[in-house]
């Protein structure tokens, strides 16, 4: 079985991003490209299983 995705079909699943979200993504992308971002990118998140064990 072969799945064919039409050009830009994925866009229907893309969520709207706020300006703050776009800034965070750009900051992270600059860091990954070894460019200097406006500040150090920080991303704190935890998986549900970690939170359950931590409690």
PDB file of N, CA and C in Angstrom:
ATOM      1  N   UNK A   1       0.839  -1.179   0.000  1.00  0.00           N
ATOM      2  CA  UNK A   1       0.000   0.000   0.000  1.00  0.00           C
ATOM      3  C   UNK A   1       0.886   1.245   0.000  1.00  0.00           C
ATOM      4  N   UNK A   2       0.601   2.143  -0.885  1.00  0.00           N
ATOM      5  CA  UNK A   2       1.392   3.360  -1.003  1.00  0.00           C
ATOM      6  C   UNK A   2       0.506   4.565  -0.698  1.00  0.00           C
ATOM      7  N   UNK A   3       0.975   5.396   0.213  1.00  0.00           N
ATOM      8  CA  UNK A   3       0.225   6.599   0.575  1.00  0.00           C
ATOM      9  C   UNK A   3       0.843   7.789  -0.146  1.00  0.00           C
ATOM     10  N   UNK A   4       0.023   8.514  -0.851  1.00  0.00           N
ATOM     11  CA  UNK A   4       0.495   9.694  -1.579  1.00  0.00           C
ATOM     12  C   UNK A   4      -0.131  10.933  -0.939  1.00  0.00           C
ATOM     13  N   UNK A   5       0.720  11.845  -0.529  1.00  0.00           N
ATOM     14  CA  UNK A   5       0.244  13.098   0.059  1.00  0.00           C
ATOM     15  C   UNK A   5       0.420  14.204  -0.972  1.00  0.00           C
ATOM     16  N   UNK A   6      -0.663  14.863  -1.265  1.00  0.00           N
ATOM     17  CA  UNK A   6      -0.617  15.954  -2.225  1.00  0.00           C
ATOM     18  C   UNK A   6       0.177  17.122  -1.652  1.00  0.00           C
ATOM     19  N   UNK A   7       0.740  17.920  -2.528  1.00  0.00           N
ATOM     20  CA  UNK A   7       1.524  19.076  -2.108  1.00  0.00           C
ATOM     21  C   UNK A   7       0.686  19.981  -1.198  1.00  0.00           C
ATOM     22  N   UNK A   8       1.268  20.346  -0.055  1.00  0.00           N
ATOM     23  CA  UNK A   8       0.659  21.236   0.939  1.00  0.00           C
ATOM     24  C   UNK A   8      -0.557  20.635   1.646  1.00  0.00           C
ATOM     25  N   UNK A   9      -0.814  19.338   1.447  1.00  0.00           N
ATOM     26  CA  UNK A   9      -1.940  18.703   2.132  1.00  0.00           C
ATOM     27  C   UNK A   9      -1.739  18.710   3.645  1.00  0.00           C
ATOM     28  N   UNK A  10      -0.489  18.651   4.079  1.00  0.00           N
ATOM     29  CA  UNK A  10      -0.179  18.646   5.511  1.00  0.00           C
ATOM     30  C   UNK A  10      -0.622  19.919   6.201  1.00  0.00           C
ATOM     31  N   UNK A  11      -0.781  20.997   5.449  1.00  0.00           N
ATOM     32  CA  UNK A  11      -1.134  22.287   6.054  1.00  0.00           C
ATOM     33  C   UNK A  11      -2.468  22.251   6.799  1.00  0.00           C
ATOM     34  N   UNK A  12      -3.365  21.369   6.398  1.00  0.00           N
ATOM     35  CA  UNK A  12      -4.648  21.302   7.088  1.00  0.00           C
ATOM     36  C   UNK A  12      -4.491  20.835   8.532  1.00  0.00           C
ATOM     37  N   UNK A  13      -3.369  20.172   8.832  1.00  0.00           N
ATOM     38  CA  UNK A  13      -3.126  19.688  10.183  1.00  0.00           C
ATOM     39  C   UNK A  13      -2.268  20.655  10.997  1.00  0.00           C
ATOM     40  N   UNK A  14      -1.720  21.648  10.363  1.00  0.00           N
ATOM     41  CA  UNK A  14      -0.855  22.607  11.061  1.00  0.00           C
ATOM     42  C   UNK A  14      -1.709  23.527  11.928  1.00  0.00           C
ATOM     43  N   UNK A  15      -1.224  23.778  13.140  1.00  0.00           N
ATOM     44  CA  UNK A  15      -1.966  24.658  14.037  1.00  0.00           C
ATOM     45  C   UNK A  15      -1.524  26.101  13.849  1.00  0.00           C
ATOM     46  N   UNK A  16      -2.405  27.000  14.186  1.00  0.00           N
ATOM     47  CA  UNK A  16      -2.056  28.414  14.143  1.00  0.00           C
ATOM     48  C   UNK A  16      -1.064  28.698  15.263  1.00  0.00           C
ATOM     49  N   UNK A  17      -0.038  29.427  14.971  1.00  0.00           N
ATOM     50  CA  UNK A  17       0.984  29.739  15.973  1.00  0.00           C
ATOM     51  C   UNK A  17       0.917  31.208  16.349  1.00  0.00           C
ATOM     52  N   UNK A  18       1.038  31.468  17.637  1.00  0.00           N
ATOM     53  CA  UNK A  18       1.048  32.849  18.124  1.00  0.00           C
ATOM     54  C   UNK A  18       2.407  33.469  17.816  1.00  0.00           C
ATOM     55  N   UNK A  19       2.488  34.774  17.931  1.00  0.00           N
ATOM     56  CA  UNK A  19       3.765  35.457  17.707  1.00  0.00           C
ATOM     57  C   UNK A  19       4.811  34.984  18.707  1.00  0.00           C
ATOM     58  N   UNK A  20       4.387  34.744  19.946  1.00  0.00           N
ATOM     59  CA  UNK A  20       5.302  34.268  20.979  1.00  0.00           C
ATOM     60  C   UNK A  20       5.856  32.887  20.615  1.00  0.00           C
ATOM     61  N   UNK A  21       4.989  32.032  20.119  1.00  0.00           N
ATOM     62  CA  UNK A  21       5.402  30.690  19.705  1.00  0.00           C
ATOM     63  C   UNK A  21       6.386  30.773  18.540  1.00  0.00           C
ATOM     64  N   UNK A  22       6.102  31.632  17.575  1.00  0.00           N
ATOM     65  CA  UNK A  22       6.994  31.798  16.423  1.00  0.00           C
ATOM     66  C   UNK A  22       8.366  32.302  16.864  1.00  0.00           C
ATOM     67  N   UNK A  23       8.385  33.213  17.840  1.00  0.00           N
ATOM     68  CA  UNK A  23       9.657  33.742  18.344  1.00  0.00           C
ATOM     69  C   UNK A  23      10.470  32.634  19.009  1.00  0.00           C
ATOM     70  N   UNK A  24       9.801  31.778  19.782  1.00  0.00           N
ATOM     71  CA  UNK A  24      10.490  30.663  20.438  1.00  0.00           C
ATOM     72  C   UNK A  24      11.071  29.699  19.410  1.00  0.00           C
ATOM     73  N   UNK A  25      10.294  29.402  18.372  1.00  0.00           N
ATOM     74  CA  UNK A  25      10.777  28.498  17.326  1.00  0.00           C
ATOM     75  C   UNK A  25      11.971  29.095  16.590  1.00  0.00           C
ATOM     76  N   UNK A  26      11.900  30.381  16.276  1.00  0.00           N
ATOM     77  CA  UNK A  26      13.010  31.044  15.587  1.00  0.00           C
ATOM     78  C   UNK A  26      14.256  31.057  16.461  1.00  0.00           C
ATOM     79  N   UNK A  27      14.080  31.282  17.752  1.00  0.00           N
ATOM     80  CA  UNK A  27      15.199  31.273  18.700  1.00  0.00           C
ATOM     81  C   UNK A  27      15.876  29.903  18.699  1.00  0.00           C
ATOM     82  N   UNK A  28      15.083  28.849  18.750  1.00  0.00           N
ATOM     83  CA  UNK A  28      15.629  27.492  18.762  1.00  0.00           C
ATOM     84  C   UNK A  28      16.302  27.176  17.427  1.00  0.00           C
ATOM     85  N   UNK A  29      15.678  27.565  16.327  1.00  0.00           N
ATOM     86  CA  UNK A  29      16.273  27.315  15.011  1.00  0.00           C
ATOM     87  C   UNK A  29      17.604  28.036  14.847  1.00  0.00           C
ATOM     88  N   UNK A  30      17.695  29.274  15.318  1.00  0.00           N
ATOM     89  CA  UNK A  30      18.966  30.003  15.244  1.00  0.00           C
ATOM     90  C   UNK A  30      20.043  29.277  16.035  1.00  0.00           C
ATOM     91  N   UNK A  31      19.675  28.796  17.210  1.00  0.00           N
ATOM     92  CA  UNK A  31      20.634  28.063  18.037  1.00  0.00           C
ATOM     93  C   UNK A  31      21.121  26.815  17.318  1.00  0.00           C
ATOM     94  N   UNK A  32      20.210  26.084  16.710  1.00  0.00           N
ATOM     95  CA  UNK A  32      20.586  24.856  16.003  1.00  0.00           C
ATOM     96  C   UNK A  32      21.430  25.136  14.763  1.00  0.00           C
ATOM     97  N   UNK A  33      21.294  26.352  14.198  1.00  0.00           N
ATOM     98  CA  UNK A  33      22.112  26.747  13.042  1.00  0.00           C
ATOM     99  C   UNK A  33      23.417  27.407  13.472  1.00  0.00           C
ATOM    100  N   UNK A  34      23.693  27.395  14.782  1.00  0.00           N
ATOM    101  CA  UNK A  34      24.901  28.005  15.354  1.00  0.00           C
ATOM    102  C   UNK A  34      24.946  29.510  15.108  1.00  0.00           C
ATOM    103  N   UNK A  35      23.770  30.131  15.095  1.00  0.00           N
ATOM    104  CA  UNK A  35      23.663  31.581  15.003  1.00  0.00           C
ATOM    105  C   UNK A  35      23.323  32.115  16.395  1.00  0.00           C
ATOM    106  N   UNK A  36      23.527  33.398  16.602  1.00  0.00           N
ATOM    107  CA  UNK A  36      23.264  33.976  17.918  1.00  0.00           C
ATOM    108  C   UNK A  36      21.796  34.401  18.038  1.00  0.00           C
ATOM    109  N   UNK A  37      21.045  33.769  18.941  1.00  0.00           N
ATOM    110  CA  UNK A  37      19.649  34.171  19.141  1.00  0.00           C
ATOM    111  C   UNK A  37      19.564  35.415  20.020  1.00  0.00           C
ATOM    112  N   UNK A  38      18.370  35.969  20.157  1.00  0.00           N
ATOM    113  CA  UNK A  38      18.196  37.160  20.996  1.00  0.00           C
ATOM    114  C   UNK A  38      18.396  36.850  22.474  1.00  0.00           C
ATOM    115  N   UNK A  39      18.187  35.595  22.870  1.00  0.00           N
ATOM    116  CA  UNK A  39      18.473  35.137  24.228  1.00  0.00           C
ATOM    117  C   UNK A  39      18.576  33.619  24.210  1.00  0.00           C
ATOM    118  N   UNK A  40      18.977  33.037  25.307  1.00  0.00           N
ATOM    119  CA  UNK A  40      19.172  31.589  25.371  1.00  0.00           C
ATOM    120  C   UNK A  40      17.815  30.891  25.320  1.00  0.00           C
ATOM    121  N   UNK A  41      17.656  29.944  24.395  1.00  0.00           N
ATOM    122  CA  UNK A  41      16.381  29.224  24.336  1.00  0.00           C
ATOM    123  C   UNK A  41      16.271  28.226  25.487  1.00  0.00           C
ATOM    124  N   UNK A  42      15.124  28.208  26.121  1.00  0.00           N
ATOM    125  CA  UNK A  42      14.871  27.272  27.216  1.00  0.00           C
ATOM    126  C   UNK A  42      13.552  26.572  26.927  1.00  0.00           C
ATOM    127  N   UNK A  43      13.565  25.271  27.048  1.00  0.00           N
ATOM    128  CA  UNK A  43      12.345  24.506  26.824  1.00  0.00           C
ATOM    129  C   UNK A  43      12.216  23.474  27.925  1.00  0.00           C
ATOM    130  N   UNK A  44      11.350  23.741  28.884  1.00  0.00           N
ATOM    131  CA  UNK A  44      11.108  22.801  29.971  1.00  0.00           C
ATOM    132  C   UNK A  44       9.812  22.051  29.709  1.00  0.00           C
ATOM    133  N   UNK A  45       9.907  20.767  29.604  1.00  0.00           N
ATOM    134  CA  UNK A  45       8.713  19.939  29.503  1.00  0.00           C
ATOM    135  C   UNK A  45       9.053  18.568  30.062  1.00  0.00           C
ATOM    136  N   UNK A  46       8.050  17.885  30.541  1.00  0.00           N
ATOM    137  CA  UNK A  46       8.251  16.568  31.119  1.00  0.00           C
ATOM    138  C   UNK A  46       7.203  15.617  30.556  1.00  0.00           C
ATOM    139  N   UNK A  47       7.603  14.371  30.393  1.00  0.00           N
ATOM    140  CA  UNK A  47       6.667  13.356  29.938  1.00  0.00           C
ATOM    141  C   UNK A  47       5.744  12.980  31.082  1.00  0.00           C
ATOM    142  N   UNK A  48       4.527  12.573  30.758  1.00  0.00           N
ATOM    143  CA  UNK A  48       3.549  12.197  31.768  1.00  0.00           C
ATOM    144  C   UNK A  48       4.050  11.122  32.708  1.00  0.00           C
ATOM    145  N   UNK A  49       4.765  10.130  32.175  1.00  0.00           N
ATOM    146  CA  UNK A  49       5.270   9.046  33.029  1.00  0.00           C
ATOM    147  C   UNK A  49       6.272   9.579  34.051  1.00  0.00           C
ATOM    148  N   UNK A  50       7.087  10.554  33.660  1.00  0.00           N
ATOM    149  CA  UNK A  50       8.033  11.161  34.595  1.00  0.00           C
ATOM    150  C   UNK A  50       7.287  11.880  35.712  1.00  0.00           C
ATOM    151  N   UNK A  51       6.269  12.651  35.341  1.00  0.00           N
ATOM    152  CA  UNK A  51       5.507  13.389  36.343  1.00  0.00           C
ATOM    153  C   UNK A  51       4.826  12.446  37.327  1.00  0.00           C
ATOM    154  N   UNK A  52       4.300  11.336  36.825  1.00  0.00           N
ATOM    155  CA  UNK A  52       3.650  10.366  37.708  1.00  0.00           C
ATOM    156  C   UNK A  52       4.640   9.777  38.701  1.00  0.00           C
ATOM    157  N   UNK A  53       5.852   9.460  38.254  1.00  0.00           N
ATOM    158  CA  UNK A  53       6.866   8.900  39.154  1.00  0.00           C
ATOM    159  C   UNK A  53       7.379   9.957  40.124  1.00  0.00           C
ATOM    160  N   UNK A  54       7.473  11.193  39.673  1.00  0.00           N
ATOM    161  CA  UNK A  54       8.009  12.272  40.491  1.00  0.00           C
ATOM    162  C   UNK A  54       7.074  12.622  41.644  1.00  0.00           C
ATOM    163  N   UNK A  55       5.760  12.522  41.402  1.00  0.00           N
ATOM    164  CA  UNK A  55       4.769  12.840  42.444  1.00  0.00           C
ATOM    165  C   UNK A  55       4.936  11.868  43.569  1.00  0.00           C
TER     166      UNK A  55
END
